[in-house]
Amino acid sequence: MKFKMAKQTSNYGDNLNQSINIISEGTLIKGDISANGDIRIDGELNGNINAKGRLVIGPKGRVEGEIDCNNIEVSGYLKGKIIVSELLTMKSSARIFGDVIAGKLSVEPGSLFTGTCTMGDSKEKNEKPIPKEQK
């Protein structure tokens, strides 16, 4: 199993406190991942992900499991339930199978999505529908 950790640096050379976790191509992980920073997956993951940062699934990345994160960019294969508090970006090579709950959705032509999608603020789901006027 191979893990790479990289520290982000700003243009001025200052280290940021947030790290990037990379699961490189050829790596298979069976289990759950929880991270405060960003995650990039170019290998395979069979398990759940809980990330407080940004999740990137590269073109050769494959994930099967439940995902809960702030932002996600998918270029590879993803199967499972996806909960994204902010933005889900589907690149043209993305293949997503499952249920999506996202604040915002960006879809490039050529991407494939099979499942259900719920968008918007969670408050909107709890609002009562406006009754129809009686005639």
Protein backbone atom coordinates (compact mmCIF):
# COMPACT_ATOMS: atom_id res chain seq x y z
CA MET A 1 0.00 0.00 0.00
CA LYS A 2 1.49 3.34 -1.05
CA PHE A 3 0.50 6.72 0.41
CA LYS A 4 1.88 10.10 -0.55
CA MET A 5 1.51 13.19 1.58
CA ALA A 6 2.26 16.62 0.19
CA LYS A 7 2.12 20.01 1.85
CA GLN A 8 0.61 22.84 -0.13
CA THR A 9 2.62 26.01 -0.36
CA SER A 10 1.40 29.43 -1.33
CA ASN A 11 3.07 31.63 -3.93
CA TYR A 12 5.13 33.18 -1.13
CA GLY A 13 6.50 29.86 0.15
CA ASP A 14 4.40 29.81 3.33
CA ASN A 15 3.22 26.33 4.33
CA LEU A 16 -0.50 25.93 4.70
CA ASN A 17 -1.89 23.70 7.47
CA GLN A 18 -3.97 21.64 5.04
CA SER A 19 -2.43 18.52 3.49
CA ILE A 20 -3.26 16.64 0.30
CA ASN A 21 -3.68 12.87 0.58
CA ILE A 22 -2.95 11.01 -2.66
CA ILE A 23 -3.95 7.44 -3.43
CA SER A 24 -1.87 6.78 -6.51
CA GLU A 25 -2.58 4.61 -9.54
CA GLY A 26 -2.06 0.90 -8.85
CA THR A 27 -3.11 1.23 -5.19
CA LEU A 28 -6.18 -0.62 -3.85
CA ILE A 29 -7.60 0.28 -0.44
CA LYS A 30 -10.42 -1.63 1.25
CA GLY A 31 -11.76 0.41 4.16
CA ASP A 32 -12.99 3.85 5.17
CA ILE A 33 -11.08 7.13 4.91
CA SER A 34 -11.61 10.22 7.05
CA ALA A 35 -9.54 13.35 6.37
CA ASN A 36 -9.50 17.00 7.39
CA GLY A 37 -7.62 17.96 4.23
CA ASP A 38 -7.98 17.27 0.52
CA ILE A 39 -7.92 13.80 -1.07
CA ARG A 40 -6.96 12.77 -4.61
CA ILE A 41 -7.72 9.24 -5.77
CA ASP A 42 -6.01 7.84 -8.86
CA GLY A 43 -6.15 4.24 -7.59
CA GLU A 44 -9.07 2.19 -6.23
CA LEU A 45 -11.04 2.54 -2.99
CA ASN A 46 -13.70 0.13 -1.75
CA GLY A 47 -15.08 1.95 1.26
CA ASN A 48 -16.50 5.22 2.52
CA ILE A 49 -14.90 8.68 2.45
CA ASN A 50 -15.52 11.55 4.84
CA ALA A 51 -13.47 14.59 3.81
CA LYS A 52 -13.72 18.12 5.12
CA GLY A 53 -11.78 19.43 2.13
CA ARG A 54 -11.92 18.78 -1.61
CA LEU A 55 -12.08 15.28 -3.07
CA VAL A 56 -10.72 14.60 -6.57
CA ILE A 57 -11.24 11.30 -8.36
CA GLY A 58 -8.80 11.20 -11.26
CA PRO A 59 -9.53 9.73 -14.72
CA LYS A 60 -8.21 6.29 -13.66
CA GLY A 61 -9.65 6.50 -10.14
CA ARG A 62 -12.39 4.10 -8.99
CA VAL A 63 -14.46 4.47 -5.81
CA GLU A 64 -17.25 2.22 -4.53
CA GLY A 65 -18.83 3.45 -1.32
CA GLU A 66 -20.50 6.39 0.38
CA ILE A 67 -18.94 9.84 0.11
CA ASP A 68 -19.49 12.89 2.33
CA CYS A 69 -17.42 15.97 1.49
CA ASN A 70 -17.52 19.73 0.83
CA ASN A 71 -16.45 19.68 -2.85
CA ILE A 72 -15.80 16.86 -5.29
CA GLU A 73 -14.44 16.69 -8.82
CA VAL A 74 -15.01 13.39 -10.61
CA SER A 75 -13.11 12.34 -13.73
CA GLY A 76 -13.20 8.59 -13.05
CA TYR A 77 -15.66 5.95 -11.82
CA LEU A 78 -17.84 6.40 -8.74
CA LYS A 79 -20.55 4.06 -7.43
CA GLY A 80 -22.49 4.82 -4.25
CA LYS A 81 -24.25 7.57 -2.34
CA ILE A 82 -22.64 11.02 -2.63
CA ILE A 83 -23.35 13.89 -0.25
CA VAL A 84 -21.65 17.15 -1.25
CA SER A 85 -22.34 20.29 0.77
CA GLU A 86 -21.08 22.66 -1.94
CA LEU A 87 -20.12 21.71 -5.54
CA LEU A 88 -20.06 18.41 -7.44
CA THR A 89 -18.13 18.74 -10.72
CA MET A 90 -18.48 15.98 -13.30
CA LYS A 91 -15.73 16.06 -15.92
CA SER A 92 -16.33 14.61 -19.41
CA SER A 93 -14.78 11.25 -18.46
CA ALA A 94 -16.84 10.89 -15.25
CA ARG A 95 -19.00 7.80 -14.67
CA ILE A 96 -21.29 8.11 -11.62
CA PHE A 97 -23.78 5.45 -10.51
CA GLY A 98 -25.79 6.23 -7.39
CA ASP A 99 -27.68 8.87 -5.49
CA VAL A 100 -26.37 12.43 -5.28
CA ILE A 101 -27.23 15.16 -2.81
CA ALA A 102 -25.37 18.34 -3.73
CA GLY A 103 -25.57 22.07 -3.18
CA LYS A 104 -24.54 22.76 -6.80
CA LEU A 105 -23.86 20.55 -9.80
CA SER A 106 -21.54 21.14 -12.77
CA VAL A 107 -21.71 18.64 -15.64
CA GLU A 108 -19.44 18.55 -18.69
CA PRO A 109 -20.72 17.03 -21.95
CA GLY A 110 -19.75 13.36 -22.24
CA SER A 111 -20.08 12.51 -18.56
CA LEU A 112 -22.43 9.71 -17.49
CA PHE A 113 -24.76 9.80 -14.48
CA THR A 114 -27.23 7.09 -13.52
CA GLY A 115 -29.20 7.58 -10.31
CA THR A 116 -31.09 10.32 -8.48
CA CYS A 117 -29.99 13.87 -7.78
CA THR A 118 -31.24 16.29 -5.14
CA MET A 119 -29.88 19.82 -5.29
CA GLY A 120 -30.09 22.98 -3.29
CA ASP A 121 -30.18 24.00 0.34
CA SER A 122 -31.42 21.39 2.82
CA LYS A 123 -33.88 23.97 4.17
CA GLU A 124 -35.80 23.80 0.89
CA LYS A 125 -36.58 20.10 1.46
CA ASN A 126 -38.33 20.89 4.73
CA GLU A 127 -40.58 23.63 3.33
CA LYS A 128 -44.24 22.76 2.90
CA PRO A 129 -45.64 23.01 -0.63
CA ILE A 130 -47.98 25.91 -1.34
CA PRO A 131 -51.56 24.59 -1.44
CA LYS A 132 -53.56 25.00 -4.66
CA GLU A 133 -56.33 27.54 -4.64
CA GLN A 134 -59.85 26.17 -4.24
CA LYS A 135 -62.25 26.97 -7.08
